[in-house]
Amino acid sequence: MGGAPNARALAAQLDISLAQLAELVGVNRSTLAAEPLGKKGREALLPLLRLLVDASEMAGSLDRAVAWFKDTPITSMGTKTAMEHVRDGNIAWVQGHLTNIANGSYA
């Protein structure tokens, strides 16, 4: 996932629509549909991309990271998945959760 963020490729990787990706990162769909992607779109996607890169390093592949992100509840904070927490505006918490796991803390 190197280089400039590609909203359409990220939506495809997550198997969601561009509108769903926009909702996930808290911007209007047109912000992510712009070509080239503007500053607001890049700034909205970068935290999610960092999260997925970190999750990929821990999971061993991007496909496994996406499966975790979409399907695995983070039990230390209820029954929501990482994706649901991100949609709720808690991406920093999810990133911190990953950091704790990487540092050997039980999550």
N, C-alpha and C. Protein backbone atom coordinates (compact mmCIF):
# COMPACT_ATOMS: atom_id res chain seq x y z
N MET A 1 0.82 -1.20 0.00
CA MET A 1 0.00 0.00 0.00
C MET A 1 0.86 1.25 0.00
N GLY A 2 1.97 1.21 -0.67
CA GLY A 2 2.87 2.36 -0.69
C GLY A 2 2.39 3.43 -1.64
N GLY A 3 3.03 4.60 -1.63
CA GLY A 3 2.70 5.70 -2.51
C GLY A 3 1.48 6.46 -2.05
N ALA A 4 0.91 7.23 -2.98
CA ALA A 4 -0.27 8.03 -2.67
C ALA A 4 -1.46 7.11 -2.41
N PRO A 5 -2.31 7.45 -1.47
CA PRO A 5 -3.49 6.62 -1.18
C PRO A 5 -4.39 6.50 -2.41
N ASN A 6 -4.92 5.34 -2.63
CA ASN A 6 -5.86 5.09 -3.71
C ASN A 6 -7.17 4.61 -3.07
N ALA A 7 -8.13 5.51 -3.02
CA ALA A 7 -9.39 5.21 -2.33
C ALA A 7 -10.12 4.04 -2.97
N ARG A 8 -10.14 3.98 -4.29
CA ARG A 8 -10.86 2.91 -4.97
C ARG A 8 -10.20 1.55 -4.70
N ALA A 9 -8.89 1.52 -4.72
CA ALA A 9 -8.17 0.26 -4.45
C ALA A 9 -8.39 -0.17 -3.00
N LEU A 10 -8.39 0.77 -2.08
CA LEU A 10 -8.61 0.44 -0.67
C LEU A 10 -10.03 -0.08 -0.47
N ALA A 11 -11.01 0.57 -1.07
CA ALA A 11 -12.39 0.09 -0.97
C ALA A 11 -12.50 -1.33 -1.53
N ALA A 12 -11.84 -1.59 -2.66
CA ALA A 12 -11.87 -2.93 -3.25
C ALA A 12 -11.21 -3.94 -2.31
N GLN A 13 -10.09 -3.57 -1.72
CA GLN A 13 -9.39 -4.47 -0.80
C GLN A 13 -10.28 -4.82 0.40
N LEU A 14 -11.02 -3.83 0.87
CA LEU A 14 -11.92 -4.05 2.01
C LEU A 14 -13.26 -4.66 1.59
N ASP A 15 -13.47 -4.77 0.27
CA ASP A 15 -14.71 -5.31 -0.30
C ASP A 15 -15.92 -4.49 0.16
N ILE A 16 -15.74 -3.16 0.08
CA ILE A 16 -16.82 -2.23 0.39
C ILE A 16 -16.89 -1.20 -0.73
N SER A 17 -17.97 -0.47 -0.81
CA SER A 17 -18.11 0.57 -1.83
C SER A 17 -17.30 1.81 -1.42
N LEU A 18 -17.10 2.68 -2.39
CA LEU A 18 -16.42 3.94 -2.11
C LEU A 18 -17.24 4.77 -1.12
N ALA A 19 -18.55 4.71 -1.23
CA ALA A 19 -19.43 5.43 -0.28
C ALA A 19 -19.25 4.87 1.14
N GLN A 20 -19.14 3.55 1.26
CA GLN A 20 -18.93 2.94 2.58
C GLN A 20 -17.57 3.31 3.14
N LEU A 21 -16.56 3.37 2.28
CA LEU A 21 -15.23 3.80 2.72
C LEU A 21 -15.27 5.24 3.20
N ALA A 22 -15.97 6.09 2.46
CA ALA A 22 -16.09 7.49 2.86
C ALA A 22 -16.76 7.60 4.23
N GLU A 23 -17.82 6.82 4.45
CA GLU A 23 -18.49 6.82 5.75
C GLU A 23 -17.53 6.33 6.84
N LEU A 24 -16.76 5.31 6.52
CA LEU A 24 -15.82 4.73 7.47
C LEU A 24 -14.80 5.76 7.96
N VAL A 25 -14.30 6.58 7.05
CA VAL A 25 -13.27 7.56 7.42
C VAL A 25 -13.82 8.95 7.66
N GLY A 26 -15.15 9.10 7.56
CA GLY A 26 -15.78 10.35 7.95
C GLY A 26 -15.69 11.50 6.97
N VAL A 27 -15.75 11.17 5.68
CA VAL A 27 -15.76 12.23 4.66
C VAL A 27 -16.88 11.95 3.67
N ASN A 28 -17.15 12.92 2.82
CA ASN A 28 -18.14 12.76 1.77
C ASN A 28 -17.58 11.87 0.67
N ARG A 29 -18.45 11.09 0.04
CA ARG A 29 -18.01 10.20 -1.03
C ARG A 29 -17.25 10.95 -2.12
N SER A 30 -17.71 12.14 -2.46
CA SER A 30 -17.06 12.91 -3.52
C SER A 30 -15.62 13.25 -3.16
N THR A 31 -15.32 13.36 -1.88
CA THR A 31 -13.94 13.63 -1.44
C THR A 31 -13.02 12.48 -1.85
N LEU A 32 -13.51 11.25 -1.74
CA LEU A 32 -12.69 10.10 -2.10
C LEU A 32 -12.76 9.77 -3.58
N ALA A 33 -13.79 10.26 -4.27
CA ALA A 33 -13.93 9.99 -5.70
C ALA A 33 -13.07 10.92 -6.55
N ALA A 34 -12.57 12.00 -5.96
CA ALA A 34 -11.78 12.98 -6.71
C ALA A 34 -10.51 12.33 -7.25
N GLU A 35 -10.17 12.68 -8.47
CA GLU A 35 -8.92 12.20 -9.07
C GLU A 35 -8.19 13.40 -9.64
N PRO A 36 -6.98 13.69 -9.19
CA PRO A 36 -6.30 12.96 -8.11
C PRO A 36 -6.93 13.25 -6.75
N LEU A 37 -6.67 12.37 -5.83
CA LEU A 37 -7.21 12.50 -4.48
C LEU A 37 -6.65 13.78 -3.85
N GLY A 38 -7.52 14.59 -3.31
CA GLY A 38 -7.11 15.84 -2.70
C GLY A 38 -6.55 15.66 -1.30
N LYS A 39 -6.12 16.76 -0.73
CA LYS A 39 -5.52 16.74 0.61
C LYS A 39 -6.48 16.18 1.65
N LYS A 40 -7.73 16.59 1.62
CA LYS A 40 -8.71 16.12 2.61
C LYS A 40 -8.89 14.60 2.50
N GLY A 41 -8.96 14.10 1.29
CA GLY A 41 -9.10 12.66 1.08
C GLY A 41 -7.87 11.90 1.56
N ARG A 42 -6.69 12.41 1.25
CA ARG A 42 -5.44 11.77 1.71
C ARG A 42 -5.38 11.75 3.23
N GLU A 43 -5.70 12.88 3.84
CA GLU A 43 -5.66 12.97 5.31
C GLU A 43 -6.68 12.04 5.96
N ALA A 44 -7.80 11.82 5.30
CA ALA A 44 -8.82 10.92 5.84
C ALA A 44 -8.39 9.46 5.74
N LEU A 45 -7.69 9.11 4.66
CA LEU A 45 -7.31 7.72 4.44
C LEU A 45 -6.03 7.29 5.16
N LEU A 46 -5.12 8.22 5.38
CA LEU A 46 -3.81 7.84 5.93
C LEU A 46 -3.89 7.10 7.28
N PRO A 47 -4.70 7.53 8.24
CA PRO A 47 -4.76 6.77 9.49
C PRO A 47 -5.25 5.33 9.28
N LEU A 48 -6.22 5.15 8.39
CA LEU A 48 -6.72 3.81 8.10
C LEU A 48 -5.64 2.98 7.40
N LEU A 49 -4.92 3.58 6.48
CA LEU A 49 -3.84 2.86 5.81
C LEU A 49 -2.75 2.45 6.80
N ARG A 50 -2.39 3.35 7.72
CA ARG A 50 -1.39 3.01 8.74
C ARG A 50 -1.86 1.85 9.60
N LEU A 51 -3.13 1.90 9.98
CA LEU A 51 -3.72 0.83 10.79
C LEU A 51 -3.64 -0.50 10.05
N LEU A 52 -4.00 -0.51 8.78
CA LEU A 52 -3.98 -1.75 8.01
C LEU A 52 -2.56 -2.25 7.76
N VAL A 53 -1.62 -1.35 7.58
CA VAL A 53 -0.22 -1.77 7.43
C VAL A 53 0.26 -2.42 8.72
N ASP A 54 -0.01 -1.79 9.86
CA ASP A 54 0.39 -2.37 11.14
C ASP A 54 -0.29 -3.72 11.37
N ALA A 55 -1.57 -3.80 11.07
CA ALA A 55 -2.30 -5.06 11.24
C ALA A 55 -1.74 -6.13 10.30
N SER A 56 -1.35 -5.73 9.09
CA SER A 56 -0.77 -6.67 8.14
C SER A 56 0.55 -7.24 8.64
N GLU A 57 1.37 -6.38 9.23
CA GLU A 57 2.65 -6.84 9.76
C GLU A 57 2.43 -7.85 10.88
N MET A 58 1.41 -7.63 11.69
CA MET A 58 1.13 -8.54 12.80
C MET A 58 0.46 -9.82 12.31
N ALA A 59 -0.43 -9.70 11.33
CA ALA A 59 -1.21 -10.85 10.86
C ALA A 59 -0.46 -11.69 9.85
N GLY A 60 0.56 -11.11 9.24
CA GLY A 60 1.33 -11.85 8.24
C GLY A 60 0.92 -11.60 6.81
N SER A 61 -0.22 -10.97 6.59
CA SER A 61 -0.65 -10.63 5.23
C SER A 61 -1.76 -9.59 5.29
N LEU A 62 -1.93 -8.90 4.20
CA LEU A 62 -3.01 -7.90 4.13
C LEU A 62 -4.37 -8.60 4.17
N ASP A 63 -4.50 -9.73 3.51
CA ASP A 63 -5.78 -10.44 3.53
C ASP A 63 -6.18 -10.83 4.95
N ARG A 64 -5.24 -11.32 5.73
CA ARG A 64 -5.54 -11.67 7.12
C ARG A 64 -5.88 -10.43 7.94
N ALA A 65 -5.16 -9.33 7.69
CA ALA A 65 -5.42 -8.09 8.40
C ALA A 65 -6.83 -7.57 8.09
N VAL A 66 -7.24 -7.66 6.84
CA VAL A 66 -8.57 -7.21 6.44
C VAL A 66 -9.63 -8.09 7.11
N ALA A 67 -9.39 -9.40 7.14
CA ALA A 67 -10.34 -10.30 7.81
C ALA A 67 -10.47 -9.94 9.28
N TRP A 68 -9.34 -9.69 9.94
CA TRP A 68 -9.38 -9.27 11.35
C TRP A 68 -10.15 -7.96 11.48
N PHE A 69 -9.80 -6.98 10.66
CA PHE A 69 -10.40 -5.65 10.72
C PHE A 69 -11.92 -5.71 10.58
N LYS A 70 -12.40 -6.53 9.67
CA LYS A 70 -13.83 -6.58 9.37
C LYS A 70 -14.62 -7.54 10.24
N ASP A 71 -13.99 -8.63 10.69
CA ASP A 71 -14.77 -9.74 11.25
C ASP A 71 -14.50 -10.10 12.70
N THR A 72 -13.40 -9.64 13.27
CA THR A 72 -13.02 -10.09 14.61
C THR A 72 -13.35 -9.04 15.66
N PRO A 73 -14.23 -9.38 16.60
CA PRO A 73 -14.54 -8.43 17.67
C PRO A 73 -13.30 -8.18 18.55
N ILE A 74 -13.15 -6.94 18.98
CA ILE A 74 -12.11 -6.60 19.94
C ILE A 74 -12.75 -6.72 21.31
N THR A 75 -12.57 -7.87 21.92
CA THR A 75 -13.33 -8.20 23.13
C THR A 75 -12.99 -7.31 24.32
N SER A 76 -11.81 -6.70 24.31
CA SER A 76 -11.48 -5.82 25.42
C SER A 76 -12.29 -4.53 25.40
N MET A 77 -13.03 -4.30 24.31
CA MET A 77 -13.88 -3.12 24.22
C MET A 77 -15.25 -3.51 23.68
N GLY A 78 -15.78 -4.62 24.19
CA GLY A 78 -17.12 -5.04 23.79
C GLY A 78 -17.12 -6.04 22.66
N THR A 79 -18.12 -5.93 21.81
CA THR A 79 -18.29 -6.91 20.73
C THR A 79 -18.08 -6.32 19.35
N LYS A 80 -17.63 -5.10 19.27
CA LYS A 80 -17.44 -4.45 17.97
C LYS A 80 -16.11 -4.86 17.35
N THR A 81 -16.12 -4.91 16.02
CA THR A 81 -14.90 -5.16 15.27
C THR A 81 -14.08 -3.87 15.16
N ALA A 82 -12.85 -3.99 14.71
CA ALA A 82 -12.02 -2.80 14.48
C ALA A 82 -12.70 -1.88 13.47
N MET A 83 -13.30 -2.45 12.45
CA MET A 83 -13.98 -1.64 11.44
C MET A 83 -15.12 -0.83 12.07
N GLU A 84 -15.87 -1.45 12.95
CA GLU A 84 -16.97 -0.74 13.61
C GLU A 84 -16.44 0.36 14.53
N HIS A 85 -15.34 0.10 15.22
CA HIS A 85 -14.73 1.13 16.06
C HIS A 85 -14.23 2.31 15.21
N VAL A 86 -13.63 2.00 14.06
CA VAL A 86 -13.16 3.07 13.18
C VAL A 86 -14.35 3.88 12.68
N ARG A 87 -15.41 3.23 12.28
CA ARG A 87 -16.61 3.93 11.80
C ARG A 87 -17.18 4.84 12.89
N ASP A 88 -17.02 4.41 14.15
CA ASP A 88 -17.50 5.22 15.27
C ASP A 88 -16.54 6.35 15.64
N GLY A 89 -15.44 6.49 14.92
CA GLY A 89 -14.49 7.56 15.18
C GLY A 89 -13.38 7.20 16.15
N ASN A 90 -13.22 5.91 16.43
CA ASN A 90 -12.23 5.47 17.42
C ASN A 90 -10.98 4.85 16.79
N ILE A 91 -10.54 5.38 15.68
CA ILE A 91 -9.38 4.79 15.01
C ILE A 91 -8.12 4.88 15.89
N ALA A 92 -7.98 5.96 16.65
CA ALA A 92 -6.80 6.09 17.53
C ALA A 92 -6.82 4.99 18.59
N TRP A 93 -7.98 4.66 19.09
CA TRP A 93 -8.07 3.58 20.08
C TRP A 93 -7.67 2.25 19.46
N VAL A 94 -8.14 1.97 18.23
CA VAL A 94 -7.80 0.71 17.56
C VAL A 94 -6.29 0.67 17.30
N GLN A 95 -5.72 1.80 16.88
CA GLN A 95 -4.27 1.86 16.64
C GLN A 95 -3.53 1.59 17.95
N GLY A 96 -4.00 2.17 19.04
CA GLY A 96 -3.39 1.92 20.34
C GLY A 96 -3.51 0.46 20.75
N HIS A 97 -4.63 -0.15 20.45
CA HIS A 97 -4.85 -1.57 20.72
C HIS A 97 -3.79 -2.41 20.00
N LEU A 98 -3.57 -2.11 18.73
CA LEU A 98 -2.54 -2.83 17.96
C LEU A 98 -1.15 -2.60 18.54
N THR A 99 -0.87 -1.37 18.94
CA THR A 99 0.43 -1.06 19.54
C THR A 99 0.62 -1.85 20.82
N ASN A 100 -0.41 -1.94 21.64
CA ASN A 100 -0.32 -2.73 22.87
C ASN A 100 -0.03 -4.19 22.57
N ILE A 101 -0.71 -4.74 21.58
CA ILE A 101 -0.47 -6.13 21.21
C ILE A 101 0.97 -6.31 20.72
N ALA A 102 1.41 -5.38 19.88
CA ALA A 102 2.80 -5.46 19.36
C ALA A 102 3.82 -5.37 20.49
N ASN A 103 3.47 -4.67 21.55
CA ASN A 103 4.38 -4.54 22.69
C ASN A 103 4.23 -5.66 23.71
N GLY A 104 3.38 -6.64 23.37
CA GLY A 104 3.25 -7.82 24.22
C GLY A 104 2.16 -7.76 25.26
N SER A 105 1.32 -6.74 25.21
CA SER A 105 0.20 -6.66 26.17
C SER A 105 -0.92 -7.55 25.69
N TYR A 106 -1.62 -8.15 26.62
CA TYR A 106 -2.80 -8.92 26.27
C TYR A 106 -3.90 -7.95 25.90
N ALA A 107 -4.60 -8.27 24.85
CA ALA A 107 -5.68 -7.38 24.42
C ALA A 107 -6.96 -8.13 24.47
